[in-house]
PDB file of N, CA and C in Angstrom:
ATOM      1  N   UNK A   1      70.654 106.444  98.215  1.00  0.00           N
ATOM      2  CA  UNK A   1      71.606 106.339  97.117  1.00  0.00           C
ATOM      3  C   UNK A   1      72.522 105.137  97.395  1.00  0.00           C
ATOM      4  N   UNK A   2      72.672 104.242  96.437  1.00  0.00           N
ATOM      5  CA  UNK A   2      73.472 103.040  96.674  1.00  0.00           C
ATOM      6  C   UNK A   2      74.969 103.346  96.765  1.00  0.00           C
ATOM      7  N   UNK A   3      75.660 102.488  97.481  1.00  0.00           N
ATOM      8  CA  UNK A   3      77.110 102.602  97.596  1.00  0.00           C
ATOM      9  C   UNK A   3      77.744 101.986  96.353  1.00  0.00           C
ATOM     10  N   UNK A   4      78.661 102.743  95.722  1.00  0.00           N
ATOM     11  CA  UNK A   4      79.321 102.240  94.518  1.00  0.00           C
ATOM     12  C   UNK A   4      80.830 102.164  94.653  1.00  0.00           C
ATOM     13  N   UNK A   5      81.373 102.759  95.707  1.00  0.00           N
ATOM     14  CA  UNK A   5      82.827 102.761  95.895  1.00  0.00           C
ATOM     15  C   UNK A   5      83.150 102.365  97.334  1.00  0.00           C
ATOM     16  N   UNK A   6      84.418 102.104  97.578  1.00  0.00           N
ATOM     17  CA  UNK A   6      84.865 101.814  98.948  1.00  0.00           C
ATOM     18  C   UNK A   6      84.628 103.029  99.843  1.00  0.00           C
ATOM     19  N   UNK A   7      84.810 104.237  99.292  1.00  0.00           N
ATOM     20  CA  UNK A   7      84.537 105.440 100.075  1.00  0.00           C
ATOM     21  C   UNK A   7      83.075 105.458 100.519  1.00  0.00           C
ATOM     22  N   UNK A   8      82.152 105.160  99.599  1.00  0.00           N
ATOM     23  CA  UNK A   8      80.731 105.138  99.943  1.00  0.00           C
ATOM     24  C   UNK A   8      80.469 104.162 101.092  1.00  0.00           C
ATOM     25  N   UNK A   9      81.049 102.968 100.998  1.00  0.00           N
ATOM     26  CA  UNK A   9      80.892 101.978 102.067  1.00  0.00           C
ATOM     27  C   UNK A   9      81.440 102.520 103.385  1.00  0.00           C
ATOM     28  N   UNK A  10      82.612 103.187 103.311  1.00  0.00           N
ATOM     29  CA  UNK A  10      83.228 103.719 104.529  1.00  0.00           C
ATOM     30  C   UNK A  10      82.350 104.791 105.167  1.00  0.00           C
ATOM     31  N   UNK A  11      81.832 105.710 104.387  1.00  0.00           N
ATOM     32  CA  UNK A  11      81.061 106.806 104.983  1.00  0.00           C
ATOM     33  C   UNK A  11      79.744 106.283 105.565  1.00  0.00           C
ATOM     34  N   UNK A  12      79.137 105.305 104.915  1.00  0.00           N
ATOM     35  CA  UNK A  12      77.910 104.703 105.457  1.00  0.00           C
ATOM     36  C   UNK A  12      78.209 104.010 106.779  1.00  0.00           C
ATOM     37  N   UNK A  13      79.270 103.204 106.820  1.00  0.00           N
ATOM     38  CA  UNK A  13      79.622 102.475 108.044  1.00  0.00           C
ATOM     39  C   UNK A  13      80.036 103.431 109.162  1.00  0.00           C
ATOM     40  N   UNK A  14      80.795 104.466 108.820  1.00  0.00           N
ATOM     41  CA  UNK A  14      81.250 105.414 109.838  1.00  0.00           C
ATOM     42  C   UNK A  14      80.068 106.176 110.414  1.00  0.00           C
ATOM     43  N   UNK A  15      79.139 106.584 109.575  1.00  0.00           N
ATOM     44  CA  UNK A  15      77.960 107.292 110.074  1.00  0.00           C
ATOM     45  C   UNK A  15      77.095 106.369 110.927  1.00  0.00           C
ATOM     46  N   UNK A  16      76.989 105.105 110.542  1.00  0.00           N
ATOM     47  CA  UNK A  16      76.211 104.148 111.336  1.00  0.00           C
ATOM     48  C   UNK A  16      76.816 103.990 112.733  1.00  0.00           C
ATOM     49  N   UNK A  17      78.141 104.029 112.807  1.00  0.00           N
ATOM     50  CA  UNK A  17      78.843 103.884 114.088  1.00  0.00           C
ATOM     51  C   UNK A  17      78.829 105.168 114.906  1.00  0.00           C
ATOM     52  N   UNK A  18      79.075 106.310 114.263  1.00  0.00           N
ATOM     53  CA  UNK A  18      79.328 107.562 114.988  1.00  0.00           C
ATOM     54  C   UNK A  18      78.163 108.540 114.963  1.00  0.00           C
ATOM     55  N   UNK A  19      77.215 108.365 114.053  1.00  0.00           N
ATOM     56  CA  UNK A  19      76.218 109.410 113.836  1.00  0.00           C
ATOM     57  C   UNK A  19      76.876 110.531 113.047  1.00  0.00           C
ATOM     58  N   UNK A  20      76.289 111.734 113.097  1.00  0.00           N
ATOM     59  CA  UNK A  20      76.903 112.868 112.404  1.00  0.00           C
ATOM     60  C   UNK A  20      78.305 113.081 112.958  1.00  0.00           C
ATOM     61  N   UNK A  21      79.255 113.407 112.080  1.00  0.00           N
ATOM     62  CA  UNK A  21      80.645 113.561 112.516  1.00  0.00           C
ATOM     63  C   UNK A  21      81.375 114.558 111.633  1.00  0.00           C
ATOM     64  N   UNK A  22      82.497 115.019 112.138  1.00  0.00           N
ATOM     65  CA  UNK A  22      83.377 115.902 111.371  1.00  0.00           C
ATOM     66  C   UNK A  22      84.539 115.058 110.871  1.00  0.00           C
ATOM     67  N   UNK A  23      84.822 115.175 109.578  1.00  0.00           N
ATOM     68  CA  UNK A  23      85.973 114.453 109.038  1.00  0.00           C
ATOM     69  C   UNK A  23      87.011 115.448 108.546  1.00  0.00           C
ATOM     70  N   UNK A  24      88.240 115.061 108.743  1.00  0.00           N
ATOM     71  CA  UNK A  24      89.386 115.796 108.222  1.00  0.00           C
ATOM     72  C   UNK A  24      89.851 115.031 106.990  1.00  0.00           C
ATOM     73  N   UNK A  25      90.289 115.749 105.964  1.00  0.00           N
ATOM     74  CA  UNK A  25      90.819 115.035 104.808  1.00  0.00           C
ATOM     75  C   UNK A  25      92.002 115.783 104.228  1.00  0.00           C
ATOM     76  N   UNK A  26      92.904 114.997 103.645  1.00  0.00           N
ATOM     77  CA  UNK A  26      94.123 115.533 103.045  1.00  0.00           C
ATOM     78  C   UNK A  26      94.231 114.962 101.636  1.00  0.00           C
ATOM     79  N   UNK A  27      94.250 115.859 100.646  1.00  0.00           N
ATOM     80  CA  UNK A  27      94.498 115.454  99.266  1.00  0.00           C
ATOM     81  C   UNK A  27      95.986 115.178  99.113  1.00  0.00           C
ATOM     82  N   UNK A  28      96.307 114.117  98.393  1.00  0.00           N
ATOM     83  CA  UNK A  28      97.689 113.661  98.293  1.00  0.00           C
ATOM     84  C   UNK A  28      98.117 113.498  96.836  1.00  0.00           C
ATOM     85  N   UNK A  29      99.359 113.843  96.573  1.00  0.00           N
ATOM     86  CA  UNK A  29      99.989 113.478  95.324  1.00  0.00           C
ATOM     87  C   UNK A  29     100.679 112.148  95.564  1.00  0.00           C
ATOM     88  N   UNK A  30     100.393 111.148  94.748  1.00  0.00           N
ATOM     89  CA  UNK A  30     100.939 109.809  94.961  1.00  0.00           C
ATOM     90  C   UNK A  30     101.810 109.441  93.772  1.00  0.00           C
ATOM     91  N   UNK A  31     103.098 109.267  94.036  1.00  0.00           N
ATOM     92  CA  UNK A  31     104.025 108.814  93.016  1.00  0.00           C
ATOM     93  C   UNK A  31     104.352 107.351  93.241  1.00  0.00           C
ATOM     94  N   UNK A  32     105.260 106.844  92.441  1.00  0.00           N
ATOM     95  CA  UNK A  32     105.631 105.434  92.582  1.00  0.00           C
ATOM     96  C   UNK A  32     106.237 105.135  93.944  1.00  0.00           C
ATOM     97  N   UNK A  33     107.033 106.065  94.463  1.00  0.00           N
ATOM     98  CA  UNK A  33     107.678 105.844  95.769  1.00  0.00           C
ATOM     99  C   UNK A  33     107.481 107.021  96.723  1.00  0.00           C
ATOM    100  N   UNK A  34     106.575 107.932  96.395  1.00  0.00           N
ATOM    101  CA  UNK A  34     106.370 109.106  97.250  1.00  0.00           C
ATOM    102  C   UNK A  34     104.886 109.388  97.449  1.00  0.00           C
ATOM    103  N   UNK A  35     104.589 110.031  98.559  1.00  0.00           N
ATOM    104  CA  UNK A  35     103.247 110.524  98.857  1.00  0.00           C
ATOM    105  C   UNK A  35     103.435 111.921  99.431  1.00  0.00           C
ATOM    106  N   UNK A  36     102.809 112.913  98.795  1.00  0.00           N
ATOM    107  CA  UNK A  36     102.977 114.303  99.215  1.00  0.00           C
ATOM    108  C   UNK A  36     101.633 114.938  99.554  1.00  0.00           C
ATOM    109  N   UNK A  37     101.475 115.451 100.770  1.00  0.00           N
ATOM    110  CA  UNK A  37     100.250 116.194 101.092  1.00  0.00           C
ATOM    111  C   UNK A  37     100.150 117.441 100.210  1.00  0.00           C
ATOM    112  N   UNK A  38      98.955 117.693  99.669  1.00  0.00           N
ATOM    113  CA  UNK A  38      98.749 118.837  98.790  1.00  0.00           C
ATOM    114  C   UNK A  38      97.837 119.890  99.411  1.00  0.00           C
ATOM    115  N   UNK A  39      96.652 119.506  99.839  1.00  0.00           N
ATOM    116  CA  UNK A  39      95.683 120.418 100.458  1.00  0.00           C
ATOM    117  C   UNK A  39      94.914 119.631 101.508  1.00  0.00           C
ATOM    118  N   UNK A  40      94.373 120.349 102.477  1.00  0.00           N
ATOM    119  CA  UNK A  40      93.619 119.691 103.542  1.00  0.00           C
ATOM    120  C   UNK A  40      92.436 120.564 103.939  1.00  0.00           C
ATOM    121  N   UNK A  41      91.400 119.926 104.442  1.00  0.00           N
ATOM    122  CA  UNK A  41      90.203 120.640 104.891  1.00  0.00           C
ATOM    123  C   UNK A  41      89.410 119.726 105.807  1.00  0.00           C
ATOM    124  N   UNK A  42      88.293 120.231 106.288  1.00  0.00           N
ATOM    125  CA  UNK A  42      87.383 119.417 107.081  1.00  0.00           C
ATOM    126  C   UNK A  42      85.985 119.590 106.534  1.00  0.00           C
ATOM    127  N   UNK A  43      85.126 118.649 106.907  1.00  0.00           N
ATOM    128  CA  UNK A  43      83.750 118.653 106.446  1.00  0.00           C
ATOM    129  C   UNK A  43      82.883 118.047 107.541  1.00  0.00           C
ATOM    130  N   UNK A  44      81.761 118.691 107.822  1.00  0.00           N
ATOM    131  CA  UNK A  44      80.798 118.133 108.768  1.00  0.00           C
ATOM    132  C   UNK A  44      79.872 117.205 107.989  1.00  0.00           C
ATOM    133  N   UNK A  45      79.823 115.954 108.376  1.00  0.00           N
ATOM    134  CA  UNK A  45      79.014 114.945 107.696  1.00  0.00           C
ATOM    135  C   UNK A  45      77.697 114.793 108.456  1.00  0.00           C
ATOM    136  N   UNK A  46      76.623 115.175 107.793  1.00  0.00           N
ATOM    137  CA  UNK A  46      75.288 115.103 108.386  1.00  0.00           C
ATOM    138  C   UNK A  46      74.500 114.069 107.593  1.00  0.00           C
ATOM    139  N   UNK A  47      74.351 112.900 108.133  1.00  0.00           N
ATOM    140  CA  UNK A  47      73.697 111.813 107.405  1.00  0.00           C
ATOM    141  C   UNK A  47      74.720 111.014 106.617  1.00  0.00           C
ATOM    142  N   UNK A  48      74.254 109.982 105.936  1.00  0.00           N
ATOM    143  CA  UNK A  48      75.180 109.107 105.205  1.00  0.00           C
ATOM    144  C   UNK A  48      74.953 109.144 103.701  1.00  0.00           C
ATOM    145  N   UNK A  49      74.418 110.261 103.203  1.00  0.00           N
ATOM    146  CA  UNK A  49      74.089 110.351 101.782  1.00  0.00           C
ATOM    147  C   UNK A  49      75.239 110.807 100.899  1.00  0.00           C
ATOM    148  N   UNK A  50      76.306 111.331 101.471  1.00  0.00           N
ATOM    149  CA  UNK A  50      77.434 111.801 100.665  1.00  0.00           C
ATOM    150  C   UNK A  50      78.055 110.624  99.918  1.00  0.00           C
ATOM    151  N   UNK A  51      78.306 110.818  98.629  1.00  0.00           N
ATOM    152  CA  UNK A  51      78.913 109.772  97.810  1.00  0.00           C
ATOM    153  C   UNK A  51      80.151 110.324  97.107  1.00  0.00           C
ATOM    154  N   UNK A  52      80.926 109.418  96.568  1.00  0.00           N
ATOM    155  CA  UNK A  52      82.219 109.759  95.972  1.00  0.00           C
ATOM    156  C   UNK A  52      82.129 110.848  94.902  1.00  0.00           C
ATOM    157  N   UNK A  53      81.184 110.815  93.975  1.00  0.00           N
ATOM    158  CA  UNK A  53      81.137 111.885  92.960  1.00  0.00           C
ATOM    159  C   UNK A  53      81.007 113.286  93.587  1.00  0.00           C
ATOM    160  N   UNK A  54      80.264 113.409  94.672  1.00  0.00           N
ATOM    161  CA  UNK A  54      80.140 114.709  95.356  1.00  0.00           C
ATOM    162  C   UNK A  54      81.473 115.129  95.960  1.00  0.00           C
ATOM    163  N   UNK A  55      82.185 114.171  96.547  1.00  0.00           N
ATOM    164  CA  UNK A  55      83.487 114.494  97.140  1.00  0.00           C
ATOM    165  C   UNK A  55      84.463 114.935  96.051  1.00  0.00           C
ATOM    166  N   UNK A  56      84.473 114.250  94.916  1.00  0.00           N
ATOM    167  CA  UNK A  56      85.378 114.637  93.828  1.00  0.00           C
ATOM    168  C   UNK A  56      85.081 116.054  93.350  1.00  0.00           C
ATOM    169  N   UNK A  57      83.807 116.422  93.275  1.00  0.00           N
ATOM    170  CA  UNK A  57      83.461 117.794  92.875  1.00  0.00           C
ATOM    171  C   UNK A  57      84.000 118.787  93.905  1.00  0.00           C
ATOM    172  N   UNK A  58      83.924 118.447  95.170  1.00  0.00           N
ATOM    173  CA  UNK A  58      84.464 119.298  96.226  1.00  0.00           C
ATOM    174  C   UNK A  58      85.985 119.460  96.059  1.00  0.00           C
ATOM    175  N   UNK A  59      86.673 118.385  95.749  1.00  0.00           N
ATOM    176  CA  UNK A  59      88.133 118.412  95.615  1.00  0.00           C
ATOM    177  C   UNK A  59      88.590 119.300  94.457  1.00  0.00           C
ATOM    178  N   UNK A  60      87.783 119.424  93.421  1.00  0.00           N
ATOM    179  CA  UNK A  60      88.137 120.285  92.289  1.00  0.00           C
ATOM    180  C   UNK A  60      88.393 121.710  92.779  1.00  0.00           C
ATOM    181  N   UNK A  61      87.622 122.137  93.780  1.00  0.00           N
ATOM    182  CA  UNK A  61      87.776 123.474  94.335  1.00  0.00           C
ATOM    183  C   UNK A  61      89.113 123.716  95.006  1.00  0.00           C
ATOM    184  N   UNK A  62      89.854 122.645  95.304  1.00  0.00           N
ATOM    185  CA  UNK A  62      91.160 122.791  95.947  1.00  0.00           C
ATOM    186  C   UNK A  62      92.189 123.377  94.990  1.00  0.00           C
ATOM    187  N   UNK A  63      91.967 123.217  93.701  1.00  0.00           N
ATOM    188  CA  UNK A  63      92.870 123.793  92.718  1.00  0.00           C
ATOM    189  C   UNK A  63      94.241 123.143  92.630  1.00  0.00           C
ATOM    190  N   UNK A  64      94.336 121.879  93.044  1.00  0.00           N
ATOM    191  CA  UNK A  64      95.609 121.160  92.957  1.00  0.00           C
ATOM    192  C   UNK A  64      95.377 119.801  92.319  1.00  0.00           C
ATOM    193  N   UNK A  65      96.412 119.289  91.689  1.00  0.00           N
ATOM    194  CA  UNK A  65      96.355 117.920  91.176  1.00  0.00           C
ATOM    195  C   UNK A  65      96.477 116.973  92.367  1.00  0.00           C
ATOM    196  N   UNK A  66      95.720 115.899  92.357  1.00  0.00           N
ATOM    197  CA  UNK A  66      95.776 114.927  93.443  1.00  0.00           C
ATOM    198  C   UNK A  66      95.517 113.538  92.882  1.00  0.00           C
ATOM    199  N   UNK A  67      96.053 112.546  93.558  1.00  0.00           N
ATOM    200  CA  UNK A  67      95.910 111.150  93.132  1.00  0.00           C
ATOM    201  C   UNK A  67      95.206 110.304  94.178  1.00  0.00           C
ATOM    202  N   UNK A  68      95.180 110.798  95.412  1.00  0.00           N
ATOM    203  CA  UNK A  68      94.576 110.061  96.502  1.00  0.00           C
ATOM    204  C   UNK A  68      94.162 111.024  97.594  1.00  0.00           C
ATOM    205  N   UNK A  69      93.405 110.507  98.540  1.00  0.00           N
ATOM    206  CA  UNK A  69      92.939 111.308  99.661  1.00  0.00           C
ATOM    207  C   UNK A  69      92.846 110.402 100.877  1.00  0.00           C
ATOM    208  N   UNK A  70      93.198 110.964 102.020  1.00  0.00           N
ATOM    209  CA  UNK A  70      93.074 110.211 103.268  1.00  0.00           C
ATOM    210  C   UNK A  70      92.110 110.965 104.186  1.00  0.00           C
ATOM    211  N   UNK A  71      91.208 110.202 104.801  1.00  0.00           N
ATOM    212  CA  UNK A  71      90.192 110.758 105.683  1.00  0.00           C
ATOM    213  C   UNK A  71      90.421 110.285 107.110  1.00  0.00           C
ATOM    214  N   UNK A  72      90.100 111.152 108.050  1.00  0.00           N
ATOM    215  CA  UNK A  72      90.157 110.843 109.478  1.00  0.00           C
ATOM    216  C   UNK A  72      88.910 111.422 110.131  1.00  0.00           C
ATOM    217  N   UNK A  73      88.417 110.773 111.151  1.00  0.00           N
ATOM    218  CA  UNK A  73      87.398 111.415 111.970  1.00  0.00           C
ATOM    219  C   UNK A  73      88.105 112.462 112.816  1.00  0.00           C
ATOM    220  N   UNK A  74      87.479 113.621 112.974  1.00  0.00           N
ATOM    221  CA  UNK A  74      88.109 114.709 113.738  1.00  0.00           C
ATOM    222  C   UNK A  74      88.149 114.402 115.225  1.00  0.00           C
ATOM    223  N   UNK A  75      87.311 113.474 115.670  1.00  0.00           N
ATOM    224  CA  UNK A  75      87.316 113.094 117.076  1.00  0.00           C
ATOM    225  C   UNK A  75      86.228 112.091 117.374  1.00  0.00           C
ATOM    226  N   UNK A  76      86.373 111.415 118.475  1.00  0.00           N
ATOM    227  CA  UNK A  76      85.386 110.415 118.876  1.00  0.00           C
ATOM    228  C   UNK A  76      84.037 111.044 119.198  1.00  0.00           C
ATOM    229  N   UNK A  77      84.034 112.339 119.506  1.00  0.00           N
ATOM    230  CA  UNK A  77      82.796 112.999 119.921  1.00  0.00           C
ATOM    231  C   UNK A  77      81.831 113.279 118.780  1.00  0.00           C
ATOM    232  N   UNK A  78      82.150 112.877 117.571  1.00  0.00           N
ATOM    233  CA  UNK A  78      81.242 113.106 116.439  1.00  0.00           C
ATOM    234  C   UNK A  78      81.512 114.458 115.814  1.00  0.00           C
ATOM    235  N   UNK A  79      80.507 115.323 115.828  1.00  0.00           N
ATOM    236  CA  UNK A  79      80.696 116.673 115.298  1.00  0.00           C
ATOM    237  C   UNK A  79      81.544 117.497 116.250  1.00  0.00           C
ATOM    238  N   UNK A  80      82.459 118.269 115.693  1.00  0.00           N
ATOM    239  CA  UNK A  80      83.265 119.183 116.499  1.00  0.00           C
ATOM    240  C   UNK A  80      83.092 120.591 115.932  1.00  0.00           C
ATOM    241  N   UNK A  81      83.242 121.619 116.767  1.00  0.00           N
ATOM    242  CA  UNK A  81      83.147 122.994 116.268  1.00  0.00           C
ATOM    243  C   UNK A  81      84.248 123.285 115.242  1.00  0.00           C
ATOM    244  N   UNK A  82      84.001 124.272 114.375  1.00  0.00           N
ATOM    245  CA  UNK A  82      84.976 124.631 113.340  1.00  0.00           C
ATOM    246  C   UNK A  82      86.349 124.950 113.920  1.00  0.00           C
ATOM    247  N   UNK A  83      86.416 125.681 115.033  1.00  0.00           N
ATOM    248  CA  UNK A  83      87.714 126.014 115.631  1.00  0.00           C
ATOM    249  C   UNK A  83      88.473 124.757 116.032  1.00  0.00           C
ATOM    250  N   UNK A  84      87.757 123.776 116.575  1.00  0.00           N
ATOM    251  CA  UNK A  84      88.386 122.508 116.964  1.00  0.00           C
ATOM    252  C   UNK A  84      88.854 121.761 115.730  1.00  0.00           C
ATOM    253  N   UNK A  85      88.011 121.698 114.700  1.00  0.00           N
ATOM    254  CA  UNK A  85      88.385 121.016 113.453  1.00  0.00           C
ATOM    255  C   UNK A  85      89.613 121.675 112.838  1.00  0.00           C
ATOM    256  N   UNK A  86      89.640 123.000 112.830  1.00  0.00           N
ATOM    257  CA  UNK A  86      90.771 123.740 112.255  1.00  0.00           C
ATOM    258  C   UNK A  86      92.064 123.402 113.008  1.00  0.00           C
ATOM    259  N   UNK A  87      92.009 123.389 114.325  1.00  0.00           N
ATOM    260  CA  UNK A  87      93.201 123.097 115.139  1.00  0.00           C
ATOM    261  C   UNK A  87      93.654 121.652 114.936  1.00  0.00           C
ATOM    262  N   UNK A  88      92.715 120.727 114.912  1.00  0.00           N
ATOM    263  CA  UNK A  88      93.080 119.310 114.733  1.00  0.00           C
ATOM    264  C   UNK A  88      93.619 119.061 113.335  1.00  0.00           C
ATOM    265  N   UNK A  89      93.076 119.747 112.337  1.00  0.00           N
ATOM    266  CA  UNK A  89      93.587 119.613 110.977  1.00  0.00           C
ATOM    267  C   UNK A  89      95.007 120.159 110.880  1.00  0.00           C
ATOM    268  N   UNK A  90      95.270 121.298 111.507  1.00  0.00           N
ATOM    269  CA  UNK A  90      96.620 121.877 111.483  1.00  0.00           C
ATOM    270  C   UNK A  90      97.617 120.926 112.136  1.00  0.00           C
ATOM    271  N   UNK A  91      97.234 120.330 113.268  1.00  0.00           N
ATOM    272  CA  UNK A  91      98.127 119.381 113.945  1.00  0.00           C
ATOM    273  C   UNK A  91      98.350 118.145 113.087  1.00  0.00           C
ATOM    274  N   UNK A  92      97.280 117.638 112.470  1.00  0.00           N
ATOM    275  CA  UNK A  92      97.395 116.455 111.619  1.00  0.00           C
ATOM    276  C   UNK A  92      98.307 116.718 110.430  1.00  0.00           C
ATOM    277  N   UNK A  93      98.106 117.824 109.734  1.00  0.00           N
ATOM    278  CA  UNK A  93      98.920 118.082 108.547  1.00  0.00           C
ATOM    279  C   UNK A  93     100.384 118.306 108.918  1.00  0.00           C
ATOM    280  N   UNK A  94     100.643 118.941 110.042  1.00  0.00           N
ATOM    281  CA  UNK A  94     102.037 119.107 110.487  1.00  0.00           C
ATOM    282  C   UNK A  94     102.673 117.742 110.730  1.00  0.00           C
ATOM    283  N   UNK A  95     101.936 116.842 111.372  1.00  0.00           N
ATOM    284  CA  UNK A  95     102.477 115.498 111.638  1.00  0.00           C
ATOM    285  C   UNK A  95     102.652 114.717 110.338  1.00  0.00           C
ATOM    286  N   UNK A  96     101.714 114.853 109.388  1.00  0.00           N
ATOM    287  CA  UNK A  96     101.830 114.131 108.116  1.00  0.00           C
ATOM    288  C   UNK A  96     103.036 114.589 107.301  1.00  0.00           C
ATOM    289  N   UNK A  97     103.362 115.869 107.378  1.00  0.00           N
ATOM    290  CA  UNK A  97     104.546 116.346 106.674  1.00  0.00           C
ATOM    291  C   UNK A  97     105.814 115.723 107.248  1.00  0.00           C
ATOM    292  N   UNK A  98     105.788 115.375 108.521  1.00  0.00           N
ATOM    293  CA  UNK A  98     106.944 114.751 109.171  1.00  0.00           C
ATOM    294  C   UNK A  98     106.951 113.230 109.029  1.00  0.00           C
ATOM    295  N   UNK A  99     105.761 112.627 109.007  1.00  0.00           N
ATOM    296  CA  UNK A  99     105.662 111.166 109.068  1.00  0.00           C
ATOM    297  C   UNK A  99     104.503 110.680 108.192  1.00  0.00           C
ATOM    298  N   UNK A 100     104.814 110.289 106.960  1.00  0.00           N
ATOM    299  CA  UNK A 100     103.776 109.848 106.027  1.00  0.00           C
ATOM    300  C   UNK A 100     103.098 108.552 106.471  1.00  0.00           C
ATOM    301  N   UNK A 101     103.746 107.795 107.360  1.00  0.00           N
ATOM    302  CA  UNK A 101     103.134 106.536 107.809  1.00  0.00           C
ATOM    303  C   UNK A 101     101.814 106.775 108.540  1.00  0.00           C
ATOM    304  N   UNK A 102     101.551 108.004 108.976  1.00  0.00           N
ATOM    305  CA  UNK A 102     100.277 108.312 109.642  1.00  0.00           C
ATOM    306  C   UNK A 102      99.090 108.154 108.693  1.00  0.00           C
ATOM    307  N   UNK A 103      99.368 108.076 107.403  1.00  0.00           N
ATOM    308  CA  UNK A 103      98.300 107.813 106.431  1.00  0.00           C
ATOM    309  C   UNK A 103      97.638 106.482 106.760  1.00  0.00           C
ATOM    310  N   UNK A 104      98.403 105.546 107.286  1.00  0.00           N
ATOM    311  CA  UNK A 104      97.862 104.232 107.653  1.00  0.00           C
ATOM    312  C   UNK A 104      96.810 104.331 108.756  1.00  0.00           C
ATOM    313  N   UNK A 105      96.830 105.417 109.526  1.00  0.00           N
ATOM    314  CA  UNK A 105      95.850 105.598 110.603  1.00  0.00           C
ATOM    315  C   UNK A 105      94.517 106.120 110.082  1.00  0.00           C
ATOM    316  N   UNK A 106      94.491 106.546 108.839  1.00  0.00           N
ATOM    317  CA  UNK A 106      93.266 107.082 108.248  1.00  0.00           C
ATOM    318  C   UNK A 106      92.666 106.095 107.269  1.00  0.00           C
ATOM    319  N   UNK A 107      91.790 106.596 106.443  1.00  0.00           N
ATOM    320  CA  UNK A 107      91.133 105.807 105.417  1.00  0.00           C
ATOM    321  C   UNK A 107      91.555 106.407 104.082  1.00  0.00           C
ATOM    322  N   UNK A 108      92.357 105.655 103.334  1.00  0.00           N
ATOM    323  CA  UNK A 108      93.108 106.130 102.180  1.00  0.00           C
ATOM    324  C   UNK A 108      92.448 105.607 100.907  1.00  0.00           C
ATOM    325  N   UNK A 109      92.077 106.542  99.996  1.00  0.00           N
ATOM    326  CA  UNK A 109      91.382 106.183  98.770  1.00  0.00           C
ATOM    327  C   UNK A 109      92.072 106.802  97.564  1.00  0.00           C
ATOM    328  N   UNK A 110      91.968 106.122  96.417  1.00  0.00           N
ATOM    329  CA  UNK A 110      92.495 106.687  95.170  1.00  0.00           C
ATOM    330  C   UNK A 110      91.445 107.599  94.539  1.00  0.00           C
ATOM    331  N   UNK A 111      91.737 108.123  93.359  1.00  0.00           N
ATOM    332  CA  UNK A 111      90.841 109.077  92.698  1.00  0.00           C
ATOM    333  C   UNK A 111      89.526 108.448  92.247  1.00  0.00           C
ATOM    334  N   UNK A 112      89.433 107.119  92.288  1.00  0.00           N
ATOM    335  CA  UNK A 112      88.193 106.424  91.943  1.00  0.00           C
ATOM    336  C   UNK A 112      87.386 106.040  93.183  1.00  0.00           C
ATOM    337  N   UNK A 113      87.868 106.449  94.365  1.00  0.00           N
ATOM    338  CA  UNK A 113      87.151 106.123  95.596  1.00  0.00           C
ATOM    339  C   UNK A 113      87.396 104.714  96.087  1.00  0.00           C
ATOM    340  N   UNK A 114      88.463 104.085  95.606  1.00  0.00           N
ATOM    341  CA  UNK A 114      88.802 102.727  96.019  1.00  0.00           C
ATOM    342  C   UNK A 114      89.913 102.760  97.058  1.00  0.00           C
ATOM    343  N   UNK A 115      89.866 101.831  97.988  1.00  0.00           N
ATOM    344  CA  UNK A 115      90.829 101.774  99.080  1.00  0.00           C
ATOM    345  C   UNK A 115      92.247 101.578  98.554  1.00  0.00           C
ATOM    346  N   UNK A 116      93.172 102.333  99.147  1.00  0.00           N
ATOM    347  CA  UNK A 116      94.594 102.182  98.846  1.00  0.00           C
ATOM    348  C   UNK A 116      95.304 101.822 100.154  1.00  0.00           C
ATOM    349  N   UNK A 117      96.486 101.248 100.029  1.00  0.00           N
ATOM    350  CA  UNK A 117      97.320 100.976 101.190  1.00  0.00           C
ATOM    351  C   UNK A 117      98.682 101.604 100.974  1.00  0.00           C
ATOM    352  N   UNK A 118      99.215 102.142 102.057  1.00  0.00           N
ATOM    353  CA  UNK A 118     100.551 102.720 102.017  1.00  0.00           C
ATOM    354  C   UNK A 118     101.540 101.634 102.415  1.00  0.00           C
ATOM    355  N   UNK A 119     102.511 101.395 101.552  1.00  0.00           N
ATOM    356  CA  UNK A 119     103.542 100.416 101.849  1.00  0.00           C
ATOM    357  C   UNK A 119     104.881 101.123 101.948  1.00  0.00           C
ATOM    358  N   UNK A 120     105.666 100.692 102.882  1.00  0.00           N
ATOM    359  CA  UNK A 120     106.985 101.294 103.082  1.00  0.00           C
ATOM    360  C   UNK A 120     107.929 100.827 101.982  1.00  0.00           C
ATOM    361  N   UNK A 121     108.690 101.776 101.438  1.00  0.00           N
ATOM    362  CA  UNK A 121     109.700 101.463 100.444  1.00  0.00           C
ATOM    363  C   UNK A 121     111.022 101.406 101.174  1.00  0.00           C
ATOM    364  N   UNK A 122     111.662 100.271 101.082  1.00  0.00           N
ATOM    365  CA  UNK A 122     112.969 100.117 101.732  1.00  0.00           C
ATOM    366  C   UNK A 122     114.070 100.377 100.705  1.00  0.00           C
ATOM    367  N   UNK A 123     114.960 101.244 101.093  1.00  0.00           N
ATOM    368  CA  UNK A 123     116.075 101.576 100.206  1.00  0.00           C
ATOM    369  C   UNK A 123     117.306 100.804 100.670  1.00  0.00           C
ATOM    370  N   UNK A 124     118.073 100.342  99.713  1.00  0.00           N
ATOM    371  CA  UNK A 124     119.272  99.560 100.057  1.00  0.00           C
ATOM    372  C   UNK A 124     120.472 100.443 100.183  1.00  0.00           C
TER     373      UNK A 124
END
């Protein structure tokens, strides 16, 4: 299946580098000057066939409005057990609630699967 979005390119490249892997993801509400974590989960990626339309269908099941999503590999070891993924996701989401700049450490995409960047808003 051809790559049509930045997400598709990312998952193909990540799988080429890591092989099968577990990814953590956080759905985000994105406003003009705010980013709010909404829901989070993990997914075991087996192969590089997953594409953006499949991910969007998965996100519908979250039952929340979202504007963007940030992905992280659960660890350098590739696939991790569910208990490990659950613990790492809990730690990640706790840190994201405290420090939104950690979004920069992940791979951040909008609802169309295109790369987004988090920029700091300076208040006077």
